[in-house]
Amino acid sequence: MDISGLEAFIEVAHTGSFSRASERLFITQPAVSKRVAGLESELNAQLFNRIGRQITLTEAGKQLLPKARELLEQADELKRIASNLSDEVQGNLSIAIAHHIGLHRMPPILREFHKTYPGVHLDIHFQDSDQAYVDLLNGDIEFAIITLPSALPEGLVKQVVWEDILYPVAGKSSVLASWDDIDILGLSTFPCVLPTQDTETHQVLKRVFDKLGLSLDVQMTTNNLETLKMLAVAGIGWSMLPATMLDESLVKIDINTPLARDLGVVYHAKRSFSNAGQALLNLIEGSTK
């Protein structure tokens, strides 16, 4: 069975589109169609319903999809084992990085990695944790560098790398900026802008407020921390941001309560690391020393 046909089948199933699958595979749309048609011919089964512009899996396609993913994971594992027989660090390395970590933690690490291992092609997916979990479980990426949750989906493992100190902040022109002795009770009376409730960052703050029987007056939510910073500076509400993002446009609000979250690496428990993946992990771990 041709691995390239399985790859095309999986991408079309994932994207629901032959054209988007071609973009992800870096080949032409006719080439994707040819690979899928070849797989259907080999299996003597139709894998997709093609009705107008809508592409859906047939029953045969639904049954094949998990097996196809498993076969590709096994093929990738064989490639990694073969590559790791030598000490060379090269080839493709697919990882996911949360946006804020990519902006504020990873630049010097990636710069050093690229300088030291020019033979590695980095395929970086900048995405939220939920999508990273899907890609890890599907075997699409080797590991993810994200905000670590208190609990992970089954089959995934986490490794803490950084403690990310968090602070309530307000824009310099806001009313809160002129208060010298505000406590958490006073803070609760002001509107705030925060990440969505399903994020670990939101939960860090909510646990503190819940413990004191206080409520958060959330005016707006977004998981883009740069946007939260902009909203706080504009005076829409106070927010909570990592220490790495604070500058002269913001005032730190001291509520005498430590706030922090863990950042680190998440990977599949059954996946081995390539030489390139292990080399990048070594640099990430070394950045804390």
Protein backbone atom coordinates (compact mmCIF):
# COMPACT_ATOMS: atom_id res chain seq x y z
CA MET A 1 0.00 0.00 0.00
CA ASP A 2 1.39 3.39 -1.04
CA ILE A 3 2.11 5.66 1.93
CA SER A 4 1.61 8.77 -0.20
CA GLY A 5 -1.93 7.61 -1.00
CA LEU A 6 -2.68 7.22 2.70
CA GLU A 7 -1.27 10.69 3.38
CA ALA A 8 -3.50 12.22 0.71
CA PHE A 9 -6.54 10.34 2.03
CA ILE A 10 -5.92 11.52 5.61
CA GLU A 11 -5.43 15.16 4.60
CA VAL A 12 -8.60 15.24 2.48
CA ALA A 13 -10.52 13.66 5.37
CA HIS A 14 -9.02 16.19 7.80
CA THR A 15 -9.63 19.29 5.68
CA GLY A 16 -12.76 18.20 3.81
CA SER A 17 -11.19 19.56 0.64
CA PHE A 18 -8.87 18.29 -2.09
CA SER A 19 -7.51 21.80 -2.68
CA ARG A 20 -6.72 22.43 1.01
CA ALA A 21 -5.16 18.97 1.24
CA SER A 22 -2.91 19.85 -1.69
CA GLU A 23 -1.76 23.00 0.09
CA ARG A 24 -0.89 21.06 3.25
CA LEU A 25 0.96 18.39 1.25
CA PHE A 26 2.71 20.92 -1.03
CA ILE A 27 1.54 19.14 -4.18
CA THR A 28 -1.04 19.97 -6.86
CA GLN A 29 -4.73 19.21 -6.47
CA PRO A 30 -4.70 16.76 -9.43
CA ALA A 31 -1.86 14.89 -7.70
CA VAL A 32 -3.97 14.56 -4.54
CA SER A 33 -6.94 13.32 -6.58
CA LYS A 34 -4.70 10.81 -8.36
CA ARG A 35 -3.31 9.44 -5.09
CA VAL A 36 -6.77 9.05 -3.55
CA ALA A 37 -8.11 7.43 -6.72
CA GLY A 38 -5.18 5.02 -6.70
CA LEU A 39 -5.90 4.08 -3.09
CA GLU A 40 -9.60 3.56 -3.85
CA SER A 41 -8.66 1.36 -6.81
CA GLU A 42 -6.24 -0.68 -4.72
CA LEU A 43 -8.84 -1.20 -1.98
CA ASN A 44 -11.71 -1.59 -4.47
CA ALA A 45 -13.77 0.79 -2.33
CA GLN A 46 -15.03 4.36 -2.60
CA LEU A 47 -13.62 6.41 0.29
CA PHE A 48 -15.32 9.78 -0.25
CA ASN A 49 -18.77 10.99 -1.22
CA ARG A 50 -18.25 13.76 -3.76
CA ILE A 51 -21.52 15.71 -3.94
CA GLY A 52 -21.09 19.17 -5.38
CA ARG A 53 -18.36 20.91 -3.39
CA GLN A 54 -18.98 18.84 -0.28
CA ILE A 55 -16.54 16.04 0.49
CA THR A 56 -17.55 13.49 3.15
CA LEU A 57 -16.27 10.07 4.13
CA THR A 58 -18.14 6.95 3.05
CA GLU A 59 -18.59 4.12 5.56
CA ALA A 60 -15.49 2.47 4.10
CA GLY A 61 -13.59 5.75 4.50
CA LYS A 62 -14.68 6.09 8.13
CA GLN A 63 -13.41 2.59 8.88
CA LEU A 64 -10.11 3.16 7.07
CA LEU A 65 -9.26 6.55 8.63
CA PRO A 66 -8.06 5.40 12.11
CA LYS A 67 -6.14 2.50 10.57
CA ALA A 68 -4.52 4.80 8.01
CA ARG A 69 -3.40 7.18 10.77
CA GLU A 70 -1.97 4.25 12.71
CA LEU A 71 -0.05 3.02 9.65
CA LEU A 72 1.39 6.50 9.03
CA GLU A 73 2.46 6.81 12.66
CA GLN A 74 4.23 3.45 12.38
CA ALA A 75 5.92 4.54 9.16
CA ASP A 76 7.06 7.82 10.78
CA GLU A 77 8.35 5.85 13.78
CA LEU A 78 10.41 3.62 11.48
CA LYS A 79 11.87 6.69 9.80
CA ARG A 80 12.79 8.18 13.19
CA ILE A 81 14.39 4.93 14.32
CA ALA A 82 16.41 4.73 11.10
CA SER A 83 17.43 8.37 11.38
CA ASN A 84 18.41 7.98 15.02
CA LEU A 85 20.80 5.14 14.16
CA SER A 86 23.17 7.91 13.12
CA ASP A 87 24.11 10.95 15.15
CA GLU A 88 23.11 13.36 12.39
CA VAL A 89 20.55 16.03 13.26
CA GLN A 90 18.61 16.75 10.08
CA GLY A 91 15.30 16.23 8.30
CA ASN A 92 11.85 17.62 9.13
CA LEU A 93 10.68 18.53 12.64
CA SER A 94 7.00 19.38 13.12
CA ILE A 95 6.06 21.03 16.43
CA ALA A 96 3.36 23.30 17.84
CA ILE A 97 4.05 26.49 19.81
CA ALA A 98 1.54 28.67 21.63
CA HIS A 99 1.60 32.22 20.26
CA HIS A 100 2.72 33.94 23.47
CA ILE A 101 5.53 31.41 24.02
CA GLY A 102 6.64 31.85 20.43
CA LEU A 103 6.85 35.60 20.93
CA HIS A 104 8.36 35.81 24.40
CA ARG A 105 10.26 32.57 25.13
CA MET A 106 11.30 30.81 21.94
CA PRO A 107 13.11 33.37 19.70
CA PRO A 108 16.62 32.91 21.20
CA ILE A 109 16.13 29.13 21.39
CA LEU A 110 15.01 28.87 17.76
CA ARG A 111 17.83 31.18 16.67
CA GLU A 112 20.40 28.94 18.35
CA PHE A 113 18.75 25.79 16.97
CA HIS A 114 18.78 27.09 13.40
CA LYS A 115 22.40 28.18 13.72
CA THR A 116 23.53 24.84 15.19
CA TYR A 117 21.40 22.52 13.04
CA PRO A 118 20.94 24.12 9.60
CA GLY A 119 20.00 20.75 8.10
CA VAL A 120 16.70 20.63 9.98
CA HIS A 121 13.55 21.97 8.36
CA LEU A 122 11.28 23.31 11.09
CA ASP A 123 7.53 23.05 10.52
CA ILE A 124 6.02 25.19 13.31
CA HIS A 125 2.28 25.28 13.97
CA PHE A 126 1.29 28.35 16.02
CA GLN A 127 -1.91 27.24 17.71
CA ASP A 128 -3.96 27.00 20.89
CA SER A 129 -3.66 24.05 23.26
CA ASP A 130 -6.83 22.29 22.09
CA GLN A 131 -5.64 22.07 18.49
CA ALA A 132 -2.19 20.99 19.67
CA TYR A 133 -3.77 18.05 21.54
CA VAL A 134 -5.57 16.96 18.37
CA ASP A 135 -2.37 17.12 16.31
CA LEU A 136 -0.40 15.23 18.98
CA LEU A 137 -2.98 12.45 19.19
CA ASN A 138 -3.11 12.25 15.38
CA GLY A 139 0.69 12.07 15.17
CA ASP A 140 0.92 15.26 13.09
CA ILE A 141 3.50 16.91 15.38
CA GLU A 142 6.33 15.59 17.56
CA PHE A 143 5.60 17.78 20.58
CA ALA A 144 3.89 21.01 21.60
CA ILE A 145 5.25 23.92 23.67
CA ILE A 146 2.20 25.38 25.40
CA THR A 147 0.61 26.48 28.66
CA LEU A 148 0.26 23.29 30.68
CA PRO A 149 -3.21 22.39 31.98
CA SER A 150 -3.91 20.66 35.28
CA ALA A 151 -5.13 17.59 33.32
CA LEU A 152 -4.28 16.32 29.84
CA PRO A 153 -6.18 14.14 27.36
CA GLU A 154 -5.42 10.44 27.82
CA GLY A 155 -2.21 9.35 26.12
CA LEU A 156 -0.39 12.68 26.45
CA VAL A 157 2.46 13.53 28.82
CA LYS A 158 3.65 16.93 30.04
CA GLN A 159 7.00 18.30 31.17
CA VAL A 160 7.23 21.62 33.01
CA VAL A 161 9.91 23.96 31.66
CA TRP A 162 9.05 27.47 32.90
CA GLU A 163 7.04 28.95 35.74
CA ASP A 164 5.26 31.91 34.16
CA ILE A 165 4.60 34.62 36.74
CA LEU A 166 1.32 36.48 36.14
CA TYR A 167 0.19 39.93 37.29
CA PRO A 168 -3.10 41.81 37.24
CA VAL A 169 -2.47 44.90 35.11
CA ALA A 170 -4.26 48.07 34.00
CA GLY A 171 -3.56 50.78 31.46
CA LYS A 172 -1.74 53.85 32.75
CA SER A 173 -4.73 56.08 32.04
CA SER A 174 -7.24 53.87 33.87
CA VAL A 175 -8.78 54.64 37.27
CA LEU A 176 -7.04 51.60 38.74
CA ALA A 177 -3.64 53.05 37.88
CA SER A 178 -4.10 55.80 40.48
CA TRP A 179 -5.00 53.42 43.33
CA ASP A 180 -2.03 52.69 45.60
CA ASP A 181 -3.56 50.20 48.00
CA ILE A 182 -6.20 48.25 46.08
CA ASP A 183 -6.73 44.67 47.24
CA ILE A 184 -8.38 41.73 45.49
CA LEU A 185 -11.80 42.67 46.89
CA GLY A 186 -11.51 46.16 45.36
CA LEU A 187 -10.22 44.69 42.11
CA SER A 188 -13.31 42.48 41.83
CA THR A 189 -15.53 45.58 41.53
CA PHE A 190 -13.86 46.61 38.24
CA PRO A 191 -14.49 45.09 34.79
CA CYS A 192 -11.79 42.88 33.31
CA VAL A 193 -10.72 41.35 29.98
CA LEU A 194 -9.42 37.79 30.15
CA PRO A 195 -8.71 34.61 28.20
CA THR A 196 -11.70 32.31 27.77
CA GLN A 197 -12.84 30.29 30.77
CA ASP A 198 -11.60 26.98 29.35
CA THR A 199 -7.96 28.14 29.47
CA GLU A 200 -5.57 27.40 32.33
CA THR A 201 -4.68 31.10 32.50
CA HIS A 202 -8.29 32.04 33.25
CA GLN A 203 -8.59 29.22 35.77
CA VAL A 204 -5.50 30.38 37.68
CA LEU A 205 -7.28 33.66 38.47
CA LYS A 206 -10.74 32.13 38.91
CA ARG A 207 -9.48 29.70 41.56
CA VAL A 208 -8.19 32.62 43.64
CA PHE A 209 -11.45 34.57 43.29
CA ASP A 210 -13.59 31.48 43.98
CA LYS A 211 -11.66 30.75 47.16
CA LEU A 212 -12.58 34.21 48.46
CA GLY A 213 -16.19 34.01 47.26
CA LEU A 214 -15.62 36.74 44.66
CA SER A 215 -16.79 37.01 41.06
CA LEU A 216 -14.98 38.23 37.97
CA ASP A 217 -16.75 40.97 36.00
CA VAL A 218 -15.56 39.78 32.58
CA GLN A 219 -16.37 42.29 29.83
CA MET A 220 -14.61 40.56 26.96
CA THR A 221 -12.60 37.38 26.29
CA THR A 222 -9.87 36.49 23.82
CA ASN A 223 -7.02 33.98 23.95
CA ASN A 224 -4.63 36.35 22.20
CA LEU A 225 -2.58 37.88 25.01
CA GLU A 226 -1.35 40.72 22.80
CA THR A 227 -4.99 41.68 22.24
CA LEU A 228 -5.66 41.53 25.99
CA LYS A 229 -2.71 43.86 26.54
CA MET A 230 -4.11 46.31 23.96
CA LEU A 231 -7.56 46.24 25.62
CA ALA A 232 -6.03 46.87 29.05
CA VAL A 233 -3.95 49.78 27.73
CA ALA A 234 -7.11 51.20 26.09
CA GLY A 235 -8.90 51.12 29.46
CA ILE A 236 -11.55 48.54 28.50
CA GLY A 237 -10.77 46.63 31.69
CA TRP A 238 -7.95 45.26 33.80
CA SER A 239 -6.36 42.01 32.73
CA MET A 240 -3.82 39.42 33.85
CA LEU A 241 -0.62 39.05 31.83
CA PRO A 242 2.76 37.31 32.11
CA ALA A 243 5.65 39.31 33.54
CA THR A 244 7.42 38.96 30.16
CA MET A 245 4.75 41.20 28.55
CA LEU A 246 4.80 44.11 30.99
CA ASP A 247 6.12 47.48 29.85
CA GLU A 248 5.70 51.22 30.50
CA SER A 249 2.18 51.24 29.00
CA LEU A 250 0.85 49.12 31.88
CA VAL A 251 0.62 49.44 35.66
CA LYS A 252 1.10 46.29 37.72
CA ILE A 253 -1.59 45.83 40.40
CA ASP A 254 -0.19 44.25 43.55
CA ILE A 255 -2.92 42.19 45.26
CA ASN A 256 -0.50 40.33 47.58
CA THR A 257 -1.50 37.02 46.03
CA PRO A 258 1.03 35.05 43.92
CA LEU A 259 -0.28 34.06 40.49
CA ALA A 260 1.53 31.74 38.09
CA ARG A 261 1.03 29.07 35.46
CA ASP A 262 3.31 26.36 34.10
CA LEU A 263 4.64 26.41 30.55
CA GLY A 264 6.29 23.43 28.98
CA VAL A 265 6.28 20.53 26.57
CA VAL A 266 3.47 18.06 25.82
CA TYR A 267 4.05 14.90 23.78
CA HIS A 268 2.46 11.53 23.05
CA ALA A 269 3.42 8.86 25.57
CA LYS A 270 4.10 6.30 22.81
CA ARG A 271 6.13 8.57 20.55
CA SER A 272 9.92 8.57 20.43
CA PHE A 273 11.80 11.77 19.67
CA SER A 274 13.81 12.24 16.51
CA ASN A 275 17.41 13.46 16.79
CA ALA A 276 16.18 16.91 15.76
CA GLY A 277 13.36 16.85 18.30
CA GLN A 278 15.69 15.78 21.11
CA ALA A 279 18.19 18.49 20.14
CA LEU A 280 15.50 21.18 20.35
CA LEU A 281 14.25 19.81 23.68
CA ASN A 282 17.79 19.98 25.05
CA LEU A 283 18.00 23.66 24.09
CA ILE A 284 14.59 24.37 25.66
CA GLU A 285 15.59 22.67 28.91
CA GLY A 286 18.96 24.45 28.87
CA SER A 287 17.24 27.84 28.61
CA THR A 288 16.17 27.60 32.25
CA LYS A 289 19.69 27.15 33.61
